[in-house]
Amino acid sequence: MAIAKKGLRKIIVINEVFYWKIRKKVSPAERHDVTYEIPVQHESEGQILLINVGFCRAEYYGREPMKITPSLIESNITEAIELGWEYNKQGKAITLMDGKLFFW
């Protein structure tokens, strides 16, 4: 399974090319204070990593909006690789949350 190509952002981590995506507009789910998982995938279209940083763009609930930057994405990709994410192999999506990998 691959991430839809439209709106992908390219990032290079440890000399490997990854693509990540985040919506430009707040989705209806985010308006209800649901955290958003940021999908990341290696250029080989291997296993998808879903980065959960507790991020929610919903200001309606008094939360301070969080900036999602390339450096944040890079550090999470590096952490996932150190935890054993095999980014160039096919497989079900995994989630990085609170410093742990979760295989669903």
C-alpha atoms as a PDB file:
ATOM      1  CA  MET A   1       0.000   0.000   0.000  1.00  0.00           C
ATOM      2  CA  ALA A   2       1.333   3.440  -0.867  1.00  0.00           C
ATOM      3  CA  ILE A   3       0.576   6.950   0.290  1.00  0.00           C
ATOM      4  CA  ALA A   4      -1.434   8.961  -2.245  1.00  0.00           C
ATOM      5  CA  LYS A   5       1.062  11.002  -4.281  1.00  0.00           C
ATOM      6  CA  LYS A   6      -0.775  14.322  -4.243  1.00  0.00           C
ATOM      7  CA  GLY A   7       0.677  16.728  -1.702  1.00  0.00           C
ATOM      8  CA  LEU A   8       3.663  14.583  -0.681  1.00  0.00           C
ATOM      9  CA  ARG A   9       6.669  16.254   0.910  1.00  0.00           C
ATOM     10  CA  LYS A  10      10.132  14.819   0.374  1.00  0.00           C
ATOM     11  CA  ILE A  11      12.679  14.437   3.159  1.00  0.00           C
ATOM     12  CA  ILE A  12      16.106  12.803   3.198  1.00  0.00           C
ATOM     13  CA  VAL A  13      17.090  10.950   6.366  1.00  0.00           C
ATOM     14  CA  ILE A  14      20.339   8.939   6.670  1.00  0.00           C
ATOM     15  CA  ASN A  15      20.805   9.267   2.889  1.00  0.00           C
ATOM     16  CA  GLU A  16      17.418   7.647   2.217  1.00  0.00           C
ATOM     17  CA  VAL A  17      14.447   9.369   0.569  1.00  0.00           C
ATOM     18  CA  PHE A  18      11.140   9.374   2.435  1.00  0.00           C
ATOM     19  CA  TYR A  19       7.824  11.057   1.694  1.00  0.00           C
ATOM     20  CA  TRP A  20       5.400  12.416   4.257  1.00  0.00           C
ATOM     21  CA  LYS A  21       2.047  14.091   4.077  1.00  0.00           C
ATOM     22  CA  ILE A  22      -0.098  16.380   6.132  1.00  0.00           C
ATOM     23  CA  ARG A  23      -3.354  18.059   5.175  1.00  0.00           C
ATOM     24  CA  LYS A  24      -3.255  21.786   4.512  1.00  0.00           C
ATOM     25  CA  LYS A  25      -6.735  22.238   5.926  1.00  0.00           C
ATOM     26  CA  VAL A  26      -8.154  21.011   9.203  1.00  0.00           C
ATOM     27  CA  SER A  27     -10.221  17.878   8.664  1.00  0.00           C
ATOM     28  CA  PRO A  28     -13.630  17.356  10.294  1.00  0.00           C
ATOM     29  CA  ALA A  29     -12.100  14.686  12.551  1.00  0.00           C
ATOM     30  CA  GLU A  30      -9.511  17.136  13.845  1.00  0.00           C
ATOM     31  CA  ARG A  31     -12.242  19.595  14.696  1.00  0.00           C
ATOM     32  CA  HIS A  32     -13.433  17.022  17.223  1.00  0.00           C
ATOM     33  CA  ASP A  33     -10.073  16.982  19.007  1.00  0.00           C
ATOM     34  CA  VAL A  34      -8.803  13.747  17.451  1.00  0.00           C
ATOM     35  CA  THR A  35      -5.051  13.344  17.111  1.00  0.00           C
ATOM     36  CA  TYR A  36      -3.720  13.105  13.591  1.00  0.00           C
ATOM     37  CA  GLU A  37      -1.202  10.479  12.511  1.00  0.00           C
ATOM     38  CA  ILE A  38       1.313  11.683   9.933  1.00  0.00           C
ATOM     39  CA  PRO A  39       2.024   9.025   7.278  1.00  0.00           C
ATOM     40  CA  VAL A  40       5.636   8.490   6.164  1.00  0.00           C
ATOM     41  CA  GLN A  41       6.891   6.082   3.527  1.00  0.00           C
ATOM     42  CA  HIS A  42      10.254   5.235   1.976  1.00  0.00           C
ATOM     43  CA  GLU A  43      10.617   5.871  -1.762  1.00  0.00           C
ATOM     44  CA  SER A  44      10.611   2.083  -2.337  1.00  0.00           C
ATOM     45  CA  GLU A  45       6.970   2.113  -1.133  1.00  0.00           C
ATOM     46  CA  GLY A  46       7.751  -0.164   1.779  1.00  0.00           C
ATOM     47  CA  GLN A  47       5.981  -0.243   5.119  1.00  0.00           C
ATOM     48  CA  ILE A  48       4.103   2.925   6.101  1.00  0.00           C
ATOM     49  CA  LEU A  49       4.980   4.605   9.372  1.00  0.00           C
ATOM     50  CA  LEU A  50       2.249   6.588  11.106  1.00  0.00           C
ATOM     51  CA  ILE A  51       3.772   9.212  13.389  1.00  0.00           C
ATOM     52  CA  ASN A  52       1.576  10.059  16.352  1.00  0.00           C
ATOM     53  CA  VAL A  53       2.928  13.038  18.257  1.00  0.00           C
ATOM     54  CA  GLY A  54      -0.345  13.868  19.985  1.00  0.00           C
ATOM     55  CA  PHE A  55      -0.852  16.452  17.276  1.00  0.00           C
ATOM     56  CA  CYS A  56      -4.233  18.054  16.788  1.00  0.00           C
ATOM     57  CA  ARG A  57      -4.931  21.281  14.903  1.00  0.00           C
ATOM     58  CA  ALA A  58      -8.246  21.834  16.648  1.00  0.00           C
ATOM     59  CA  GLU A  59      -8.089  25.195  18.387  1.00  0.00           C
ATOM     60  CA  TYR A  60     -11.738  24.825  19.295  1.00  0.00           C
ATOM     61  CA  TYR A  61     -10.834  22.919  22.449  1.00  0.00           C
ATOM     62  CA  GLY A  62      -8.348  25.413  23.809  1.00  0.00           C
ATOM     63  CA  ARG A  63      -5.321  23.487  22.569  1.00  0.00           C
ATOM     64  CA  GLU A  64      -2.280  25.373  21.393  1.00  0.00           C
ATOM     65  CA  PRO A  65      -1.678  24.525  17.710  1.00  0.00           C
ATOM     66  CA  MET A  66       1.478  22.504  17.090  1.00  0.00           C
ATOM     67  CA  LYS A  67       3.856  23.186  14.209  1.00  0.00           C
ATOM     68  CA  ILE A  68       4.766  20.141  12.169  1.00  0.00           C
ATOM     69  CA  THR A  69       8.217  20.781  10.738  1.00  0.00           C
ATOM     70  CA  PRO A  70      10.607  18.715   8.630  1.00  0.00           C
ATOM     71  CA  SER A  71      12.973  18.467  11.616  1.00  0.00           C
ATOM     72  CA  LEU A  72      10.173  16.918  13.709  1.00  0.00           C
ATOM     73  CA  ILE A  73       9.457  14.400  10.945  1.00  0.00           C
ATOM     74  CA  GLU A  74      13.176  13.642  10.530  1.00  0.00           C
ATOM     75  CA  SER A  75      13.689  12.974  14.234  1.00  0.00           C
ATOM     76  CA  ASN A  76      10.662  10.658  14.332  1.00  0.00           C
ATOM     77  CA  ILE A  77      11.852   8.727  11.256  1.00  0.00           C
ATOM     78  CA  THR A  78      15.291   8.308  12.858  1.00  0.00           C
ATOM     79  CA  GLU A  79      13.699   7.137  16.110  1.00  0.00           C
ATOM     80  CA  ALA A  80      11.492   4.606  14.297  1.00  0.00           C
ATOM     81  CA  ILE A  81      14.486   3.181  12.418  1.00  0.00           C
ATOM     82  CA  GLU A  82      16.417   2.849  15.691  1.00  0.00           C
ATOM     83  CA  LEU A  83      13.409   1.015  17.174  1.00  0.00           C
ATOM     84  CA  GLY A  84      13.410  -1.487  14.290  1.00  0.00           C
ATOM     85  CA  TRP A  85      11.187  -0.043  11.558  1.00  0.00           C
ATOM     86  CA  GLU A  86      12.115  -1.843   8.341  1.00  0.00           C
ATOM     87  CA  TYR A  87      11.087   0.966   5.995  1.00  0.00           C
ATOM     88  CA  ASN A  88      12.054  -0.772   2.751  1.00  0.00           C
ATOM     89  CA  LYS A  89      10.073  -3.973   3.362  1.00  0.00           C
ATOM     90  CA  GLN A  90       6.385  -4.468   2.631  1.00  0.00           C
ATOM     91  CA  GLY A  91       4.032  -4.915   5.544  1.00  0.00           C
ATOM     92  CA  LYS A  92       1.114  -3.499   7.475  1.00  0.00           C
ATOM     93  CA  ALA A  93       1.389   0.102   8.627  1.00  0.00           C
ATOM     94  CA  ILE A  94       2.960   0.651  12.033  1.00  0.00           C
ATOM     95  CA  THR A  95       2.561   3.524  14.455  1.00  0.00           C
ATOM     96  CA  LEU A  96       5.261   5.396  16.330  1.00  0.00           C
ATOM     97  CA  MET A  97       3.805   6.753  19.557  1.00  0.00           C
ATOM     98  CA  ASP A  98       5.455   7.736  22.836  1.00  0.00           C
ATOM     99  CA  GLY A  99       8.815   6.289  21.784  1.00  0.00           C
ATOM    100  CA  LYS A 100       7.415   2.862  20.897  1.00  0.00           C
ATOM    101  CA  LEU A 101       6.433   1.078  17.682  1.00  0.00           C
ATOM    102  CA  PHE A 102       2.966  -0.435  17.559  1.00  0.00           C
ATOM    103  CA  PHE A 103       2.166  -3.106  14.990  1.00  0.00           C
ATOM    104  CA  TRP A 104      -1.566  -3.319  14.390  1.00  0.00           C
END
